[in-house]
């Protein structure tokens, strides 16, 4: 129980950094630093920590650190803002899938978790055909410029703009060793695929099995 308690508290503390309360199922799914475990065991641990040890708080659905009740309403607001941004992302993805060398388009970052602020941009990850990354990047930039607003480095107002923050060649899907940490594990697991072909998403997950070292309970 001691190790599980520590893992639960660590998971809630990490989510708290992003002002993001978690449901019991989310605590289990993103449980940090504990071997794979049943969801029921995590549920029982949460209730005990909440009721007996008074180390966390809850509002009936979400769990969060003591004194952080306000992030529950913030999450609900961000979910509404995120829904609007996802509509933009899906519209852009419909255009991008017309590019023959694009194998996958996925939303990453806060939006992938439905946790975007009102003025946030929209982060996209693009997977390209092998040896076509730079050509695809050029075509993607041109197309995004035509159908919506693209975020540029000098922009101060980035609301709803498309940030093409990562391009991957389908032959190089593995996150570099030096970047394999908890943050990147969450990025991999949280991403929301908007379109893909040739089983690229499955291959992406296979290449990044290292995420299980950080988030052993996570499943696509």
N, C-alpha and C. Protein backbone atom coordinates (compact mmCIF):
# COMPACT_ATOMS: atom_id res chain seq x y z
N UNK A 1 0.83 -1.21 0.00
CA UNK A 1 0.00 0.00 0.00
C UNK A 1 0.86 1.26 0.00
N UNK A 2 2.01 1.19 0.68
CA UNK A 2 2.87 2.36 0.79
C UNK A 2 3.34 2.82 -0.58
N UNK A 3 3.81 1.86 -1.42
CA UNK A 3 4.29 2.22 -2.75
C UNK A 3 3.15 2.71 -3.63
N UNK A 4 1.98 2.10 -3.49
CA UNK A 4 0.82 2.52 -4.28
C UNK A 4 0.38 3.92 -3.87
N UNK A 5 0.39 4.19 -2.58
CA UNK A 5 0.04 5.53 -2.11
C UNK A 5 0.98 6.57 -2.69
N UNK A 6 2.25 6.26 -2.68
CA UNK A 6 3.25 7.18 -3.23
C UNK A 6 3.00 7.41 -4.72
N UNK A 7 2.68 6.33 -5.44
CA UNK A 7 2.43 6.44 -6.88
C UNK A 7 1.19 7.28 -7.16
N UNK A 8 0.14 7.08 -6.38
CA UNK A 8 -1.09 7.85 -6.55
C UNK A 8 -0.83 9.34 -6.30
N UNK A 9 -0.13 9.63 -5.21
CA UNK A 9 0.16 11.03 -4.88
C UNK A 9 1.06 11.67 -5.93
N UNK A 10 2.01 10.91 -6.45
CA UNK A 10 2.90 11.43 -7.50
C UNK A 10 2.12 11.73 -8.77
N UNK A 11 1.18 10.86 -9.09
CA UNK A 11 0.37 11.03 -10.29
C UNK A 11 -0.51 12.27 -10.19
N UNK A 12 -1.13 12.46 -9.04
CA UNK A 12 -1.97 13.65 -8.83
C UNK A 12 -1.13 14.92 -8.80
N UNK A 13 0.06 14.83 -8.21
CA UNK A 13 0.94 16.01 -8.15
C UNK A 13 1.41 16.42 -9.54
N UNK A 14 1.72 15.43 -10.38
CA UNK A 14 2.15 15.73 -11.74
C UNK A 14 1.01 16.40 -12.52
N UNK A 15 -0.19 15.85 -12.41
CA UNK A 15 -1.34 16.44 -13.10
C UNK A 15 -1.63 17.84 -12.58
N UNK A 16 -1.37 18.05 -11.30
CA UNK A 16 -1.64 19.35 -10.67
C UNK A 16 -0.77 20.45 -11.28
N UNK A 17 0.41 20.09 -11.75
CA UNK A 17 1.29 21.06 -12.41
C UNK A 17 0.56 21.70 -13.60
N UNK A 18 -0.30 20.91 -14.24
CA UNK A 18 -1.04 21.38 -15.41
C UNK A 18 -2.47 21.79 -15.06
N UNK A 19 -2.73 21.99 -13.75
CA UNK A 19 -4.07 22.37 -13.27
C UNK A 19 -5.13 21.40 -13.78
N UNK A 20 -4.84 20.10 -13.63
CA UNK A 20 -5.69 19.08 -14.24
C UNK A 20 -6.07 18.02 -13.21
N UNK A 21 -7.28 18.11 -12.64
CA UNK A 21 -7.74 17.06 -11.72
C UNK A 21 -8.01 15.78 -12.50
N UNK A 22 -7.91 14.64 -11.82
CA UNK A 22 -8.06 13.35 -12.50
C UNK A 22 -9.23 12.55 -11.95
N UNK A 23 -9.91 11.84 -12.82
CA UNK A 23 -10.90 10.87 -12.37
C UNK A 23 -10.15 9.63 -11.88
N UNK A 24 -10.84 8.73 -11.21
CA UNK A 24 -10.19 7.51 -10.71
C UNK A 24 -9.60 6.70 -11.86
N UNK A 25 -10.33 6.60 -12.95
CA UNK A 25 -9.83 5.83 -14.10
C UNK A 25 -8.61 6.49 -14.72
N UNK A 26 -8.55 7.82 -14.69
CA UNK A 26 -7.38 8.52 -15.23
C UNK A 26 -6.17 8.35 -14.32
N UNK A 27 -6.39 8.34 -13.01
CA UNK A 27 -5.28 8.09 -12.08
C UNK A 27 -4.69 6.72 -12.37
N UNK A 28 -5.55 5.73 -12.58
CA UNK A 28 -5.07 4.38 -12.90
C UNK A 28 -4.34 4.38 -14.25
N UNK A 29 -4.93 4.99 -15.25
CA UNK A 29 -4.37 4.97 -16.60
C UNK A 29 -3.00 5.62 -16.66
N UNK A 30 -2.82 6.71 -15.90
CA UNK A 30 -1.57 7.46 -15.95
C UNK A 30 -0.75 7.31 -14.67
N UNK A 31 -0.97 6.21 -13.96
CA UNK A 31 -0.26 5.99 -12.69
C UNK A 31 1.25 5.95 -12.91
N UNK A 32 1.96 6.74 -12.11
CA UNK A 32 3.41 6.89 -12.25
C UNK A 32 4.15 6.03 -11.24
N UNK A 33 5.22 5.39 -11.70
CA UNK A 33 6.16 4.75 -10.79
C UNK A 33 5.64 3.57 -10.02
N UNK A 34 4.78 2.77 -10.64
CA UNK A 34 4.25 1.57 -9.97
C UNK A 34 4.03 0.50 -11.02
N UNK A 35 4.35 -0.76 -10.71
CA UNK A 35 4.11 -1.84 -11.66
C UNK A 35 2.64 -1.89 -12.06
N UNK A 36 2.36 -2.49 -13.21
CA UNK A 36 0.99 -2.59 -13.70
C UNK A 36 0.06 -3.15 -12.63
N UNK A 37 -1.10 -2.56 -12.50
CA UNK A 37 -2.00 -2.88 -11.39
C UNK A 37 -3.45 -2.77 -11.87
N UNK A 38 -4.37 -3.42 -11.18
CA UNK A 38 -5.78 -3.37 -11.54
C UNK A 38 -6.39 -2.01 -11.19
N UNK A 39 -7.36 -1.60 -11.99
CA UNK A 39 -8.03 -0.31 -11.75
C UNK A 39 -8.74 -0.30 -10.40
N UNK A 40 -9.30 -1.43 -10.01
CA UNK A 40 -10.02 -1.51 -8.72
C UNK A 40 -9.09 -1.21 -7.55
N UNK A 41 -7.85 -1.66 -7.65
CA UNK A 41 -6.89 -1.43 -6.56
C UNK A 41 -6.56 0.05 -6.43
N UNK A 42 -6.47 0.72 -7.55
CA UNK A 42 -6.20 2.17 -7.53
C UNK A 42 -7.41 2.91 -6.96
N UNK A 43 -8.61 2.48 -7.34
CA UNK A 43 -9.83 3.10 -6.82
C UNK A 43 -9.88 2.99 -5.30
N UNK A 44 -9.56 1.81 -4.77
CA UNK A 44 -9.57 1.60 -3.32
C UNK A 44 -8.51 2.47 -2.64
N UNK A 45 -7.35 2.57 -3.27
CA UNK A 45 -6.28 3.38 -2.70
C UNK A 45 -6.67 4.85 -2.66
N UNK A 46 -7.32 5.32 -3.70
CA UNK A 46 -7.77 6.71 -3.74
C UNK A 46 -8.76 7.01 -2.62
N UNK A 47 -9.71 6.12 -2.45
CA UNK A 47 -10.73 6.33 -1.41
C UNK A 47 -10.10 6.32 -0.02
N UNK A 48 -9.13 5.44 0.18
CA UNK A 48 -8.48 5.38 1.48
C UNK A 48 -7.64 6.62 1.74
N UNK A 49 -6.88 7.03 0.75
CA UNK A 49 -6.04 8.23 0.91
C UNK A 49 -6.91 9.45 1.16
N UNK A 50 -8.04 9.50 0.48
CA UNK A 50 -8.96 10.63 0.63
C UNK A 50 -9.67 10.62 1.99
N UNK A 51 -10.21 9.48 2.37
CA UNK A 51 -11.04 9.39 3.58
C UNK A 51 -10.23 9.25 4.86
N UNK A 52 -9.21 8.41 4.83
CA UNK A 52 -8.47 8.09 6.05
C UNK A 52 -7.26 8.99 6.29
N UNK A 53 -6.49 9.20 5.25
CA UNK A 53 -5.23 9.93 5.42
C UNK A 53 -5.38 11.43 5.16
N UNK A 54 -6.46 11.81 4.49
CA UNK A 54 -6.73 13.23 4.22
C UNK A 54 -5.59 13.92 3.46
N UNK A 55 -4.98 13.17 2.55
CA UNK A 55 -3.87 13.73 1.79
C UNK A 55 -4.31 14.30 0.45
N UNK A 56 -5.52 13.95 0.02
CA UNK A 56 -6.05 14.48 -1.22
C UNK A 56 -7.51 14.86 -1.00
N UNK A 57 -8.09 15.47 -2.00
CA UNK A 57 -9.49 15.88 -1.91
C UNK A 57 -10.22 15.37 -3.15
N UNK A 58 -11.55 15.44 -3.11
CA UNK A 58 -12.36 14.97 -4.23
C UNK A 58 -13.68 15.72 -4.25
N UNK A 59 -14.31 15.73 -5.44
CA UNK A 59 -15.61 16.40 -5.54
C UNK A 59 -16.69 15.45 -6.04
N UNK A 60 -16.45 14.16 -5.95
CA UNK A 60 -17.40 13.17 -6.42
C UNK A 60 -16.97 12.50 -7.71
N UNK A 61 -16.25 13.23 -8.56
CA UNK A 61 -15.77 12.67 -9.82
C UNK A 61 -14.26 12.78 -9.95
N UNK A 62 -13.72 13.93 -9.56
CA UNK A 62 -12.30 14.18 -9.74
C UNK A 62 -11.55 14.17 -8.41
N UNK A 63 -10.28 13.75 -8.50
CA UNK A 63 -9.37 13.79 -7.35
C UNK A 63 -8.30 14.83 -7.63
N UNK A 64 -7.84 15.50 -6.56
CA UNK A 64 -6.85 16.56 -6.73
C UNK A 64 -6.16 16.81 -5.40
N UNK A 65 -5.07 17.56 -5.45
CA UNK A 65 -4.32 17.88 -4.24
C UNK A 65 -5.15 18.76 -3.32
N UNK A 66 -4.87 18.69 -2.03
CA UNK A 66 -5.61 19.48 -1.05
C UNK A 66 -5.59 20.96 -1.41
N UNK A 67 -6.74 21.61 -1.28
CA UNK A 67 -6.82 23.04 -1.52
C UNK A 67 -6.89 23.43 -2.98
N UNK A 68 -7.08 22.45 -3.87
CA UNK A 68 -7.06 22.75 -5.31
C UNK A 68 -8.42 22.54 -5.98
N UNK A 69 -9.47 22.74 -5.23
CA UNK A 69 -10.83 22.57 -5.73
C UNK A 69 -11.09 23.39 -7.00
N UNK A 70 -10.46 24.55 -7.08
CA UNK A 70 -10.74 25.46 -8.21
C UNK A 70 -10.37 24.87 -9.57
N UNK A 71 -9.45 23.90 -9.59
CA UNK A 71 -9.03 23.37 -10.89
C UNK A 71 -10.09 22.45 -11.50
N UNK A 72 -11.09 22.06 -10.71
CA UNK A 72 -12.18 21.26 -11.27
C UNK A 72 -12.98 22.10 -12.27
N UNK A 73 -13.37 23.29 -11.86
CA UNK A 73 -14.10 24.18 -12.77
C UNK A 73 -13.23 24.62 -13.94
N UNK A 74 -11.93 24.79 -13.67
CA UNK A 74 -11.01 25.17 -14.74
C UNK A 74 -10.95 24.08 -15.80
N UNK A 75 -10.90 22.83 -15.34
CA UNK A 75 -10.89 21.72 -16.30
C UNK A 75 -12.14 21.75 -17.17
N UNK A 76 -13.29 21.98 -16.57
CA UNK A 76 -14.54 22.01 -17.32
C UNK A 76 -14.55 23.14 -18.36
N UNK A 77 -14.01 24.30 -17.99
CA UNK A 77 -13.92 25.41 -18.94
C UNK A 77 -12.97 25.05 -20.09
N UNK A 78 -11.83 24.47 -19.73
CA UNK A 78 -10.85 24.11 -20.75
C UNK A 78 -11.39 23.05 -21.70
N UNK A 79 -12.21 22.16 -21.19
CA UNK A 79 -12.82 21.15 -22.06
C UNK A 79 -13.70 21.81 -23.12
N UNK A 80 -14.42 22.85 -22.72
CA UNK A 80 -15.27 23.58 -23.68
C UNK A 80 -14.42 24.30 -24.72
N UNK A 81 -13.36 24.96 -24.28
CA UNK A 81 -12.47 25.65 -25.22
C UNK A 81 -11.80 24.63 -26.15
N UNK A 82 -11.44 23.49 -25.59
CA UNK A 82 -10.76 22.46 -26.38
C UNK A 82 -11.66 21.89 -27.46
N UNK A 83 -12.94 21.75 -27.18
CA UNK A 83 -13.87 21.23 -28.18
C UNK A 83 -13.89 22.12 -29.42
N UNK A 84 -13.85 23.43 -29.21
CA UNK A 84 -13.84 24.37 -30.33
C UNK A 84 -12.54 24.25 -31.12
N UNK A 85 -11.43 24.09 -30.40
CA UNK A 85 -10.13 23.97 -31.07
C UNK A 85 -10.03 22.65 -31.84
N UNK A 86 -10.63 21.58 -31.30
CA UNK A 86 -10.59 20.29 -31.99
C UNK A 86 -11.34 20.36 -33.32
N UNK A 87 -12.39 21.15 -33.38
CA UNK A 87 -13.12 21.32 -34.64
C UNK A 87 -12.20 21.92 -35.70
N UNK A 88 -11.39 22.90 -35.27
CA UNK A 88 -10.43 23.52 -36.19
C UNK A 88 -9.40 22.49 -36.63
N UNK A 89 -8.88 21.74 -35.67
CA UNK A 89 -7.86 20.73 -35.96
C UNK A 89 -8.38 19.68 -36.94
N UNK A 90 -9.61 19.23 -36.74
CA UNK A 90 -10.18 18.22 -37.64
C UNK A 90 -10.37 18.77 -39.05
N UNK A 91 -10.77 20.03 -39.13
CA UNK A 91 -10.95 20.65 -40.44
C UNK A 91 -9.61 20.72 -41.19
N UNK A 92 -8.57 21.11 -40.46
CA UNK A 92 -7.24 21.19 -41.07
C UNK A 92 -6.76 19.80 -41.48
N UNK A 93 -7.02 18.80 -40.64
CA UNK A 93 -6.59 17.43 -40.94
C UNK A 93 -7.24 16.90 -42.21
N UNK A 94 -8.49 17.29 -42.47
CA UNK A 94 -9.18 16.85 -43.68
C UNK A 94 -8.46 17.34 -44.93
N UNK A 95 -7.88 18.53 -44.83
CA UNK A 95 -7.09 19.06 -45.94
C UNK A 95 -5.72 18.37 -46.02
N UNK A 96 -5.10 18.19 -44.88
CA UNK A 96 -3.76 17.61 -44.86
C UNK A 96 -3.73 16.17 -45.36
N UNK A 97 -4.81 15.43 -45.13
CA UNK A 97 -4.84 14.03 -45.57
C UNK A 97 -4.84 13.91 -47.09
N UNK A 98 -5.06 15.04 -47.78
CA UNK A 98 -5.01 15.04 -49.24
C UNK A 98 -3.57 15.00 -49.75
N UNK A 99 -2.63 15.37 -48.88
CA UNK A 99 -1.21 15.31 -49.26
C UNK A 99 -0.78 13.85 -49.24
N UNK A 100 -0.39 13.28 -50.38
CA UNK A 100 -0.11 11.84 -50.46
C UNK A 100 1.04 11.36 -49.58
N UNK A 101 1.96 12.26 -49.23
CA UNK A 101 3.11 11.85 -48.42
C UNK A 101 2.88 12.03 -46.92
N UNK A 102 1.68 12.43 -46.53
CA UNK A 102 1.35 12.51 -45.10
C UNK A 102 0.72 11.19 -44.67
N UNK A 103 1.34 10.53 -43.68
CA UNK A 103 0.86 9.24 -43.21
C UNK A 103 0.02 9.35 -41.94
N UNK A 104 0.21 10.42 -41.18
CA UNK A 104 -0.57 10.59 -39.95
C UNK A 104 -0.58 12.05 -39.53
N UNK A 105 -1.72 12.47 -39.01
CA UNK A 105 -1.85 13.79 -38.38
C UNK A 105 -2.44 13.56 -37.01
N UNK A 106 -1.81 14.11 -35.98
CA UNK A 106 -2.29 13.92 -34.61
C UNK A 106 -2.18 15.22 -33.82
N UNK A 107 -3.12 15.41 -32.92
CA UNK A 107 -3.08 16.54 -31.98
C UNK A 107 -2.24 16.13 -30.78
N UNK A 108 -1.37 17.03 -30.34
CA UNK A 108 -0.54 16.76 -29.16
C UNK A 108 -0.72 17.90 -28.14
N UNK A 109 0.02 17.80 -27.05
CA UNK A 109 0.00 18.87 -26.05
C UNK A 109 -1.28 18.90 -25.24
N UNK A 110 -1.57 20.07 -24.68
CA UNK A 110 -2.72 20.23 -23.79
C UNK A 110 -4.04 19.91 -24.48
N UNK A 111 -4.15 20.26 -25.75
CA UNK A 111 -5.40 20.03 -26.47
C UNK A 111 -5.73 18.55 -26.55
N UNK A 112 -4.72 17.71 -26.66
CA UNK A 112 -4.96 16.27 -26.73
C UNK A 112 -5.65 15.74 -25.48
N UNK A 113 -5.46 16.43 -24.35
CA UNK A 113 -6.10 16.05 -23.10
C UNK A 113 -7.36 16.87 -22.83
N UNK A 114 -7.74 17.71 -23.79
CA UNK A 114 -8.89 18.58 -23.56
C UNK A 114 -8.62 19.62 -22.50
N UNK A 115 -7.35 20.07 -22.43
CA UNK A 115 -6.94 20.96 -21.34
C UNK A 115 -6.34 22.27 -21.87
N UNK A 116 -6.82 22.72 -23.01
CA UNK A 116 -6.30 23.96 -23.60
C UNK A 116 -6.92 25.19 -22.96
N UNK A 117 -6.10 26.21 -22.78
CA UNK A 117 -6.63 27.51 -22.39
C UNK A 117 -7.26 28.18 -23.61
N UNK A 118 -8.08 29.18 -23.35
CA UNK A 118 -8.82 29.86 -24.41
C UNK A 118 -7.90 30.43 -25.48
N UNK A 119 -6.73 30.94 -25.08
CA UNK A 119 -5.83 31.62 -26.01
C UNK A 119 -4.70 30.73 -26.52
N UNK A 120 -4.78 29.43 -26.29
CA UNK A 120 -3.72 28.51 -26.74
C UNK A 120 -3.78 28.26 -28.24
N UNK A 121 -2.64 27.80 -28.77
CA UNK A 121 -2.60 27.38 -30.17
C UNK A 121 -2.97 25.90 -30.27
N UNK A 122 -2.82 25.34 -31.46
CA UNK A 122 -3.18 23.94 -31.72
C UNK A 122 -1.94 23.22 -32.22
N UNK A 123 -1.42 22.30 -31.42
CA UNK A 123 -0.19 21.58 -31.78
C UNK A 123 -0.51 20.34 -32.61
N UNK A 124 0.17 20.21 -33.74
CA UNK A 124 0.00 19.04 -34.59
C UNK A 124 1.31 18.31 -34.80
N UNK A 125 1.23 16.99 -34.80
CA UNK A 125 2.35 16.12 -35.15
C UNK A 125 2.03 15.50 -36.50
N UNK A 126 3.01 15.52 -37.39
CA UNK A 126 2.84 14.98 -38.74
C UNK A 126 3.84 13.86 -38.97
N UNK A 127 3.36 12.72 -39.45
CA UNK A 127 4.25 11.63 -39.88
C UNK A 127 4.23 11.58 -41.40
N UNK A 128 5.42 11.52 -42.00
CA UNK A 128 5.54 11.56 -43.46
C UNK A 128 6.01 10.21 -44.02
N UNK A 129 5.85 10.07 -45.31
CA UNK A 129 6.41 8.91 -46.00
C UNK A 129 7.93 8.93 -45.86
N UNK A 130 8.55 7.77 -45.97
CA UNK A 130 10.00 7.69 -45.81
C UNK A 130 10.71 8.56 -46.85
N UNK A 131 11.71 9.27 -46.38
CA UNK A 131 12.55 10.12 -47.22
C UNK A 131 11.78 11.27 -47.89
N UNK A 132 10.65 11.63 -47.30
CA UNK A 132 9.86 12.73 -47.88
C UNK A 132 9.53 13.80 -46.83
N UNK A 133 10.32 13.84 -45.78
CA UNK A 133 9.99 14.75 -44.67
C UNK A 133 10.03 16.21 -45.09
N UNK A 134 11.12 16.63 -45.72
CA UNK A 134 11.27 18.06 -46.03
C UNK A 134 10.30 18.52 -47.11
N UNK A 135 10.06 17.67 -48.10
CA UNK A 135 9.07 18.01 -49.12
C UNK A 135 7.68 18.12 -48.49
N UNK A 136 7.36 17.16 -47.63
CA UNK A 136 6.05 17.16 -46.97
C UNK A 136 5.90 18.36 -46.06
N UNK A 137 6.97 18.71 -45.38
CA UNK A 137 6.93 19.88 -44.50
C UNK A 137 6.58 21.13 -45.30
N UNK A 138 7.22 21.29 -46.45
CA UNK A 138 6.96 22.46 -47.30
C UNK A 138 5.51 22.48 -47.77
N UNK A 139 5.02 21.34 -48.23
CA UNK A 139 3.64 21.26 -48.70
C UNK A 139 2.65 21.53 -47.57
N UNK A 140 2.98 21.02 -46.39
CA UNK A 140 2.10 21.21 -45.23
C UNK A 140 2.01 22.68 -44.83
N UNK A 141 3.14 23.34 -44.80
CA UNK A 141 3.17 24.76 -44.44
C UNK A 141 2.33 25.57 -45.43
N UNK A 142 2.51 25.29 -46.72
CA UNK A 142 1.75 26.02 -47.74
C UNK A 142 0.25 25.78 -47.58
N UNK A 143 -0.12 24.53 -47.37
CA UNK A 143 -1.54 24.20 -47.26
C UNK A 143 -2.17 24.82 -46.02
N UNK A 144 -1.46 24.76 -44.90
CA UNK A 144 -1.99 25.36 -43.67
C UNK A 144 -2.15 26.86 -43.83
N UNK A 145 -1.20 27.49 -44.52
CA UNK A 145 -1.30 28.93 -44.77
C UNK A 145 -2.55 29.27 -45.60
N UNK A 146 -2.93 28.35 -46.47
CA UNK A 146 -4.07 28.60 -47.34
C UNK A 146 -5.41 28.41 -46.64
N UNK A 147 -5.49 27.44 -45.73
CA UNK A 147 -6.79 27.10 -45.14
C UNK A 147 -7.02 27.67 -43.75
N UNK A 148 -5.95 28.12 -43.08
CA UNK A 148 -6.12 28.66 -41.73
C UNK A 148 -4.91 29.51 -41.37
N UNK A 149 -4.73 29.81 -40.10
CA UNK A 149 -3.59 30.60 -39.65
C UNK A 149 -2.53 29.70 -39.03
N UNK A 150 -1.30 29.86 -39.48
CA UNK A 150 -0.18 29.08 -38.93
C UNK A 150 0.57 29.91 -37.90
N UNK A 151 0.94 29.28 -36.82
CA UNK A 151 1.72 29.98 -35.80
C UNK A 151 3.16 30.15 -36.28
N UNK A 152 3.67 31.36 -36.08
CA UNK A 152 5.07 31.66 -36.40
C UNK A 152 5.82 31.96 -35.10
N UNK A 153 7.15 31.79 -35.10
CA UNK A 153 7.94 31.99 -33.87
C UNK A 153 7.75 33.35 -33.23
N UNK A 154 7.54 34.38 -34.04
CA UNK A 154 7.44 35.74 -33.49
C UNK A 154 6.03 36.11 -33.04
N UNK A 155 5.07 35.24 -33.24
CA UNK A 155 3.68 35.56 -32.89
C UNK A 155 3.50 35.72 -31.38
N UNK A 156 2.76 36.73 -30.99
CA UNK A 156 2.39 36.91 -29.58
C UNK A 156 0.94 36.48 -29.34
N UNK A 157 0.11 36.67 -30.35
CA UNK A 157 -1.27 36.18 -30.28
C UNK A 157 -1.33 34.86 -31.05
N UNK A 158 -1.44 33.75 -30.34
CA UNK A 158 -1.38 32.43 -30.99
C UNK A 158 -2.72 31.70 -30.94
N UNK A 159 -3.74 32.36 -30.45
CA UNK A 159 -5.04 31.70 -30.26
C UNK A 159 -5.53 31.01 -31.54
N UNK A 160 -5.78 29.70 -31.42
CA UNK A 160 -6.36 28.88 -32.48
C UNK A 160 -5.48 28.74 -33.72
N UNK A 161 -4.24 29.19 -33.63
CA UNK A 161 -3.32 29.03 -34.76
C UNK A 161 -2.72 27.63 -34.75
N UNK A 162 -2.38 27.14 -35.94
CA UNK A 162 -1.82 25.80 -36.07
C UNK A 162 -0.31 25.84 -35.88
N UNK A 163 0.16 25.08 -34.91
CA UNK A 163 1.60 24.96 -34.66
C UNK A 163 2.06 23.60 -35.16
N UNK A 164 2.83 23.60 -36.22
CA UNK A 164 3.36 22.35 -36.77
C UNK A 164 4.62 22.00 -35.99
N UNK A 165 4.42 21.48 -34.80
CA UNK A 165 5.53 21.39 -33.86
C UNK A 165 6.39 20.15 -34.00
N UNK A 166 5.96 19.16 -34.80
CA UNK A 166 6.81 17.98 -34.95
C UNK A 166 6.50 17.25 -36.26
N UNK A 167 7.56 16.94 -36.99
CA UNK A 167 7.46 16.10 -38.19
C UNK A 167 8.33 14.87 -37.98
N UNK A 168 7.79 13.70 -38.30
CA UNK A 168 8.53 12.45 -38.18
C UNK A 168 8.47 11.69 -39.49
N UNK A 169 9.60 11.12 -39.88
CA UNK A 169 9.66 10.21 -41.02
C UNK A 169 9.14 8.85 -40.56
N UNK A 170 8.34 8.17 -41.38
CA UNK A 170 7.75 6.90 -40.96
C UNK A 170 8.80 5.83 -40.66
N UNK A 171 10.03 6.04 -41.11
CA UNK A 171 11.11 5.10 -40.80
C UNK A 171 11.87 5.49 -39.54
N UNK A 172 11.49 6.60 -38.93
CA UNK A 172 12.15 7.07 -37.71
C UNK A 172 11.09 7.58 -36.73
N UNK A 173 10.33 6.64 -36.19
CA UNK A 173 9.20 6.99 -35.33
C UNK A 173 9.53 7.00 -33.85
N UNK A 174 10.67 6.48 -33.48
CA UNK A 174 11.02 6.36 -32.07
C UNK A 174 11.50 7.70 -31.51
N UNK A 175 10.97 8.09 -30.36
CA UNK A 175 11.44 9.29 -29.67
C UNK A 175 12.90 9.08 -29.27
N UNK A 176 13.79 10.05 -29.53
CA UNK A 176 15.21 9.89 -29.19
C UNK A 176 15.42 9.52 -27.73
N UNK A 177 16.43 8.71 -27.48
CA UNK A 177 16.71 8.21 -26.13
C UNK A 177 16.81 9.34 -25.11
N UNK A 178 17.47 10.42 -25.46
CA UNK A 178 17.67 11.52 -24.51
C UNK A 178 16.37 12.24 -24.15
N UNK A 179 15.32 12.02 -24.95
CA UNK A 179 14.03 12.67 -24.70
C UNK A 179 13.00 11.71 -24.10
N UNK A 180 13.43 10.51 -23.79
CA UNK A 180 12.51 9.51 -23.24
C UNK A 180 12.34 9.72 -21.74
N UNK A 181 11.40 10.58 -21.39
CA UNK A 181 11.13 10.90 -19.99
C UNK A 181 9.62 10.90 -19.76
N UNK A 182 9.21 11.25 -18.55
CA UNK A 182 7.79 11.22 -18.20
C UNK A 182 6.97 12.17 -19.08
N UNK A 183 7.49 13.36 -19.32
CA UNK A 183 6.76 14.32 -20.15
C UNK A 183 6.52 13.77 -21.55
N UNK A 184 7.57 13.23 -22.17
CA UNK A 184 7.44 12.69 -23.52
C UNK A 184 6.53 11.46 -23.54
N UNK A 185 6.58 10.67 -22.47
CA UNK A 185 5.69 9.50 -22.38
C UNK A 185 4.24 9.95 -22.40
N UNK A 186 3.93 11.00 -21.67
CA UNK A 186 2.57 11.54 -21.68
C UNK A 186 2.21 12.06 -23.08
N UNK A 187 3.14 12.73 -23.73
CA UNK A 187 2.87 13.25 -25.07
C UNK A 187 2.51 12.12 -26.04
N UNK A 188 3.27 11.02 -25.95
CA UNK A 188 3.02 9.86 -26.81
C UNK A 188 1.65 9.25 -26.52
N UNK A 189 1.37 9.05 -25.24
CA UNK A 189 0.14 8.36 -24.84
C UNK A 189 -1.11 9.21 -25.01
N UNK A 190 -0.97 10.51 -24.87
CA UNK A 190 -2.13 11.40 -24.91
C UNK A 190 -2.54 11.83 -26.32
N UNK A 191 -1.63 11.71 -27.27
CA UNK A 191 -1.93 12.25 -28.59
C UNK A 191 -3.23 11.68 -29.16
N UNK A 192 -3.92 12.50 -29.91
CA UNK A 192 -5.20 12.10 -30.52
C UNK A 192 -5.03 12.11 -32.04
N UNK A 193 -5.12 10.94 -32.62
CA UNK A 193 -4.92 10.79 -34.06
C UNK A 193 -6.15 11.29 -34.81
N UNK A 194 -5.93 12.19 -35.76
CA UNK A 194 -7.02 12.73 -36.57
C UNK A 194 -7.17 11.98 -37.88
N UNK A 195 -6.06 11.51 -38.42
CA UNK A 195 -6.10 10.67 -39.62
C UNK A 195 -4.78 9.91 -39.72
N UNK A 196 -4.84 8.72 -40.27
CA UNK A 196 -3.62 7.93 -40.47
C UNK A 196 -3.88 6.85 -41.50
N UNK A 197 -2.81 6.31 -42.06
CA UNK A 197 -2.94 5.22 -43.03
C UNK A 197 -1.74 4.29 -42.93
N UNK A 198 -1.92 3.11 -43.48
CA UNK A 198 -0.86 2.09 -43.52
C UNK A 198 -0.40 1.67 -42.13
N UNK A 199 -1.29 1.78 -41.14
CA UNK A 199 -0.96 1.30 -39.80
C UNK A 199 0.16 2.06 -39.12
N UNK A 200 0.34 3.32 -39.49
CA UNK A 200 1.45 4.11 -38.94
C UNK A 200 1.32 4.32 -37.43
N UNK A 201 0.11 4.56 -36.96
CA UNK A 201 -0.06 4.79 -35.52
C UNK A 201 0.33 3.56 -34.72
N UNK A 202 -0.06 2.40 -35.17
CA UNK A 202 0.32 1.16 -34.49
C UNK A 202 1.83 1.00 -34.47
N UNK A 203 2.48 1.30 -35.58
CA UNK A 203 3.94 1.21 -35.65
C UNK A 203 4.59 2.24 -34.73
N UNK A 204 3.99 3.42 -34.67
CA UNK A 204 4.51 4.46 -33.78
C UNK A 204 4.50 3.98 -32.33
N UNK A 205 3.41 3.36 -31.91
CA UNK A 205 3.32 2.86 -30.54
C UNK A 205 4.31 1.72 -30.30
N UNK A 206 4.48 0.86 -31.29
CA UNK A 206 5.43 -0.24 -31.15
C UNK A 206 6.86 0.28 -31.00
N UNK A 207 7.18 1.33 -31.74
CA UNK A 207 8.52 1.90 -31.67
C UNK A 207 8.76 2.63 -30.34
N UNK A 208 7.68 3.00 -29.68
CA UNK A 208 7.81 3.77 -28.43
C UNK A 208 7.27 3.00 -27.22
N UNK A 209 7.55 1.71 -27.20
CA UNK A 209 7.12 0.88 -26.08
C UNK A 209 7.78 1.29 -24.77
N UNK A 210 8.84 2.08 -24.85
CA UNK A 210 9.53 2.55 -23.65
C UNK A 210 8.59 3.35 -22.73
N UNK A 211 7.46 3.86 -23.26
CA UNK A 211 6.54 4.64 -22.41
C UNK A 211 6.02 3.81 -21.25
N UNK A 212 6.01 2.48 -21.41
CA UNK A 212 5.52 1.60 -20.35
C UNK A 212 6.40 1.66 -19.11
N UNK A 213 7.64 2.11 -19.26
CA UNK A 213 8.52 2.28 -18.10
C UNK A 213 7.99 3.38 -17.18
N UNK A 214 7.30 4.33 -17.77
CA UNK A 214 6.76 5.46 -17.00
C UNK A 214 5.27 5.31 -16.71
N UNK A 215 4.54 4.77 -17.67
CA UNK A 215 3.08 4.66 -17.55
C UNK A 215 2.65 3.22 -17.87
N UNK A 216 2.94 2.28 -16.97
CA UNK A 216 2.71 0.86 -17.25
C UNK A 216 1.26 0.47 -17.47
N UNK A 217 0.31 1.23 -16.94
CA UNK A 217 -1.11 0.87 -17.09
C UNK A 217 -1.73 1.38 -18.38
N UNK A 218 -1.04 2.30 -19.06
CA UNK A 218 -1.65 2.93 -20.22
C UNK A 218 -1.86 1.94 -21.36
N UNK A 219 -3.02 2.07 -22.00
CA UNK A 219 -3.33 1.28 -23.20
C UNK A 219 -4.01 2.21 -24.20
N UNK A 220 -3.75 2.00 -25.49
CA UNK A 220 -4.36 2.87 -26.52
C UNK A 220 -5.87 2.65 -26.61
